[in-house]
Amino acid sequence: MHSDLVVGKRFPDLTLPDHRQQPIKLSELASGFPLILSFYRGYW
């Protein structure tokens, strides 16, 4: 497990590409509200 990912701690403020491939921080997406980040494997 990565040392930044600890159960019960805050998730790191990652920068990921949006649907237009523009970088955006998770904190910008959340705008102060709770955010659920789901990782999936496979195709739609």
PDB file of N, CA and C in Angstrom:
ATOM      1  N   MET A   1       0.849  -1.173   0.000  1.00  0.00           N
ATOM      2  CA  MET A   1       0.000   0.000   0.000  1.00  0.00           C
ATOM      3  C   MET A   1       0.896   1.238   0.000  1.00  0.00           C
ATOM      4  N   HIS A   2       0.479   2.244  -0.711  1.00  0.00           N
ATOM      5  CA  HIS A   2       1.216   3.498  -0.758  1.00  0.00           C
ATOM      6  C   HIS A   2       1.112   4.194   0.593  1.00  0.00           C
ATOM      7  N   SER A   3       2.179   4.805   1.061  1.00  0.00           N
ATOM      8  CA  SER A   3       2.200   5.406   2.396  1.00  0.00           C
ATOM      9  C   SER A   3       1.224   6.564   2.544  1.00  0.00           C
ATOM     10  N   ASP A   4       0.809   7.208   1.433  1.00  0.00           N
ATOM     11  CA  ASP A   4      -0.166   8.301   1.507  1.00  0.00           C
ATOM     12  C   ASP A   4      -1.590   7.788   1.666  1.00  0.00           C
ATOM     13  N   LEU A   5      -1.834   6.526   1.368  1.00  0.00           N
ATOM     14  CA  LEU A   5      -3.169   5.955   1.430  1.00  0.00           C
ATOM     15  C   LEU A   5      -3.323   5.147   2.708  1.00  0.00           C
ATOM     16  N   VAL A   6      -3.955   5.768   3.697  1.00  0.00           N
ATOM     17  CA  VAL A   6      -4.145   5.141   4.996  1.00  0.00           C
ATOM     18  C   VAL A   6      -5.627   5.217   5.338  1.00  0.00           C
ATOM     19  N   VAL A   7      -6.202   4.100   5.748  1.00  0.00           N
ATOM     20  CA  VAL A   7      -7.607   4.058   6.118  1.00  0.00           C
ATOM     21  C   VAL A   7      -7.878   5.095   7.199  1.00  0.00           C
ATOM     22  N   GLY A   8      -8.909   5.907   7.001  1.00  0.00           N
ATOM     23  CA  GLY A   8      -9.297   6.915   7.980  1.00  0.00           C
ATOM     24  C   GLY A   8      -8.626   8.260   7.793  1.00  0.00           C
ATOM     25  N   LYS A   9      -7.621   8.344   6.921  1.00  0.00           N
ATOM     26  CA  LYS A   9      -6.936   9.611   6.659  1.00  0.00           C
ATOM     27  C   LYS A   9      -7.510  10.258   5.399  1.00  0.00           C
ATOM     28  N   ARG A  10      -7.179  11.532   5.207  1.00  0.00           N
ATOM     29  CA  ARG A  10      -7.620  12.234   3.999  1.00  0.00           C
ATOM     30  C   ARG A  10      -6.906  11.671   2.767  1.00  0.00           C
ATOM     31  N   PHE A  11      -7.647  11.625   1.664  1.00  0.00           N
ATOM     32  CA  PHE A  11      -7.081  11.175   0.399  1.00  0.00           C
ATOM     33  C   PHE A  11      -6.205  12.299  -0.150  1.00  0.00           C
ATOM     34  N   PRO A  12      -5.050  11.992  -0.735  1.00  0.00           N
ATOM     35  CA  PRO A  12      -4.198  13.044  -1.294  1.00  0.00           C
ATOM     36  C   PRO A  12      -4.922  13.805  -2.400  1.00  0.00           C
ATOM     37  N   ASP A  13      -4.632  15.090  -2.530  1.00  0.00           N
ATOM     38  CA  ASP A  13      -5.262  15.931  -3.546  1.00  0.00           C
ATOM     39  C   ASP A  13      -4.577  15.704  -4.888  1.00  0.00           C
ATOM     40  N   LEU A  14      -5.003  14.662  -5.576  1.00  0.00           N
ATOM     41  CA  LEU A  14      -4.404  14.276  -6.852  1.00  0.00           C
ATOM     42  C   LEU A  14      -4.848  15.204  -7.977  1.00  0.00           C
ATOM     43  N   THR A  15      -4.030  15.295  -8.994  1.00  0.00           N
ATOM     44  CA  THR A  15      -4.391  15.978 -10.226  1.00  0.00           C
ATOM     45  C   THR A  15      -4.559  14.904 -11.293  1.00  0.00           C
ATOM     46  N   LEU A  16      -5.766  14.846 -11.872  1.00  0.00           N
ATOM     47  CA  LEU A  16      -6.100  13.837 -12.874  1.00  0.00           C
ATOM     48  C   LEU A  16      -6.676  14.519 -14.106  1.00  0.00           C
ATOM     49  N   PRO A  17      -6.658  13.861 -15.265  1.00  0.00           N
ATOM     50  CA  PRO A  17      -7.258  14.468 -16.460  1.00  0.00           C
ATOM     51  C   PRO A  17      -8.785  14.366 -16.409  1.00  0.00           C
ATOM     52  N   ASP A  18      -9.463  15.432 -16.860  1.00  0.00           N
ATOM     53  CA  ASP A  18     -10.924  15.401 -16.948  1.00  0.00           C
ATOM     54  C   ASP A  18     -11.334  14.811 -18.301  1.00  0.00           C
ATOM     55  N   HIS A  19     -12.610  14.913 -18.639  1.00  0.00           N
ATOM     56  CA  HIS A  19     -13.111  14.312 -19.882  1.00  0.00           C
ATOM     57  C   HIS A  19     -12.550  14.974 -21.147  1.00  0.00           C
ATOM     58  N   ARG A  20     -11.957  16.175 -21.010  1.00  0.00           N
ATOM     59  CA  ARG A  20     -11.324  16.854 -22.144  1.00  0.00           C
ATOM     60  C   ARG A  20      -9.806  16.743 -22.093  1.00  0.00           C
ATOM     61  N   GLN A  21      -9.321  15.856 -21.203  1.00  0.00           N
ATOM     62  CA  GLN A  21      -7.892  15.632 -20.993  1.00  0.00           C
ATOM     63  C   GLN A  21      -7.181  16.846 -20.397  1.00  0.00           C
ATOM     64  N   GLN A  22      -7.927  17.739 -19.741  1.00  0.00           N
ATOM     65  CA  GLN A  22      -7.347  18.878 -19.035  1.00  0.00           C
ATOM     66  C   GLN A  22      -7.099  18.481 -17.585  1.00  0.00           C
ATOM     67  N   PRO A  23      -5.952  18.832 -17.008  1.00  0.00           N
ATOM     68  CA  PRO A  23      -5.678  18.458 -15.616  1.00  0.00           C
ATOM     69  C   PRO A  23      -6.599  19.200 -14.651  1.00  0.00           C
ATOM     70  N   ILE A  24      -7.097  18.486 -13.653  1.00  0.00           N
ATOM     71  CA  ILE A  24      -7.952  19.089 -12.633  1.00  0.00           C
ATOM     72  C   ILE A  24      -7.678  18.383 -11.306  1.00  0.00           C
ATOM     73  N   LYS A  25      -7.659  19.168 -10.235  1.00  0.00           N
ATOM     74  CA  LYS A  25      -7.419  18.602  -8.902  1.00  0.00           C
ATOM     75  C   LYS A  25      -8.726  18.067  -8.334  1.00  0.00           C
ATOM     76  N   LEU A  26      -8.624  17.035  -7.508  1.00  0.00           N
ATOM     77  CA  LEU A  26      -9.808  16.482  -6.865  1.00  0.00           C
ATOM     78  C   LEU A  26     -10.508  17.528  -6.002  1.00  0.00           C
ATOM     79  N   SER A  27      -9.745  18.399  -5.355  1.00  0.00           N
ATOM     80  CA  SER A  27     -10.342  19.443  -4.519  1.00  0.00           C
ATOM     81  C   SER A  27     -11.179  20.408  -5.357  1.00  0.00           C
ATOM     82  N   GLU A  28     -10.801  20.661  -6.606  1.00  0.00           N
ATOM     83  CA  GLU A  28     -11.584  21.516  -7.493  1.00  0.00           C
ATOM     84  C   GLU A  28     -12.892  20.832  -7.877  1.00  0.00           C
ATOM     85  N   LEU A  29     -12.851  19.526  -8.112  1.00  0.00           N
ATOM     86  CA  LEU A  29     -14.066  18.790  -8.449  1.00  0.00           C
ATOM     87  C   LEU A  29     -15.044  18.779  -7.283  1.00  0.00           C
ATOM     88  N   ALA A  30     -14.523  18.610  -6.078  1.00  0.00           N
ATOM     89  CA  ALA A  30     -15.368  18.502  -4.896  1.00  0.00           C
ATOM     90  C   ALA A  30     -15.945  19.861  -4.494  1.00  0.00           C
ATOM     91  N   SER A  31     -15.218  20.932  -4.715  1.00  0.00           N
ATOM     92  CA  SER A  31     -15.652  22.288  -4.342  1.00  0.00           C
ATOM     93  C   SER A  31     -16.134  22.365  -2.897  1.00  0.00           C
ATOM     94  N   GLY A  32     -15.443  21.686  -1.995  1.00  0.00           N
ATOM     95  CA  GLY A  32     -15.777  21.746  -0.578  1.00  0.00           C
ATOM     96  C   GLY A  32     -16.817  20.735  -0.122  1.00  0.00           C
ATOM     97  N   PHE A  33     -17.364  19.950  -1.025  1.00  0.00           N
ATOM     98  CA  PHE A  33     -18.365  18.935  -0.687  1.00  0.00           C
ATOM     99  C   PHE A  33     -17.693  17.565  -0.614  1.00  0.00           C
ATOM    100  N   PRO A  34     -18.339  16.600   0.035  1.00  0.00           N
ATOM    101  CA  PRO A  34     -17.762  15.246   0.059  1.00  0.00           C
ATOM    102  C   PRO A  34     -17.646  14.690  -1.365  1.00  0.00           C
ATOM    103  N   LEU A  35     -16.633  13.911  -1.591  1.00  0.00           N
ATOM    104  CA  LEU A  35     -16.366  13.356  -2.916  1.00  0.00           C
ATOM    105  C   LEU A  35     -16.124  11.863  -2.787  1.00  0.00           C
ATOM    106  N   ILE A  36     -16.751  11.089  -3.644  1.00  0.00           N
ATOM    107  CA  ILE A  36     -16.513   9.654  -3.697  1.00  0.00           C
ATOM    108  C   ILE A  36     -15.701   9.378  -4.952  1.00  0.00           C
ATOM    109  N   LEU A  37     -14.580   8.739  -4.760  1.00  0.00           N
ATOM    110  CA  LEU A  37     -13.706   8.395  -5.871  1.00  0.00           C
ATOM    111  C   LEU A  37     -13.733   6.888  -6.030  1.00  0.00           C
ATOM    112  N   SER A  38     -14.166   6.437  -7.193  1.00  0.00           N
ATOM    113  CA  SER A  38     -14.309   5.004  -7.431  1.00  0.00           C
ATOM    114  C   SER A  38     -13.376   4.589  -8.551  1.00  0.00           C
ATOM    115  N   PHE A  39     -12.618   3.535  -8.302  1.00  0.00           N
ATOM    116  CA  PHE A  39     -11.745   2.981  -9.324  1.00  0.00           C
ATOM    117  C   PHE A  39     -12.379   1.681  -9.809  1.00  0.00           C
ATOM    118  N   TYR A  40     -12.383   1.479 -11.092  1.00  0.00           N
ATOM    119  CA  TYR A  40     -12.937   0.256 -11.638  1.00  0.00           C
ATOM    120  C   TYR A  40     -11.961  -0.330 -12.645  1.00  0.00           C
ATOM    121  N   ARG A  41     -12.115  -1.575 -12.906  1.00  0.00           N
ATOM    122  CA  ARG A  41     -11.274  -2.257 -13.865  1.00  0.00           C
ATOM    123  C   ARG A  41     -12.159  -2.808 -14.959  1.00  0.00           C
ATOM    124  N   GLY A  42     -11.813  -2.529 -16.188  1.00  0.00           N
ATOM    125  CA  GLY A  42     -12.596  -3.063 -17.287  1.00  0.00           C
ATOM    126  C   GLY A  42     -13.122  -1.958 -18.194  1.00  0.00           C
ATOM    127  N   TYR A  43     -14.138  -2.292 -18.942  1.00  0.00           N
ATOM    128  CA  TYR A  43     -14.729  -1.380 -19.913  1.00  0.00           C
ATOM    129  C   TYR A  43     -16.165  -1.110 -19.552  1.00  0.00           C
ATOM    130  N   TRP A  44     -16.721  -0.045 -20.096  1.00  0.00           N
ATOM    131  CA  TRP A  44     -18.149   0.297 -19.871  1.00  0.00           C
ATOM    132  C   TRP A  44     -19.023  -0.690 -20.564  1.00  0.00           C
TER     133      TRP A  44
END
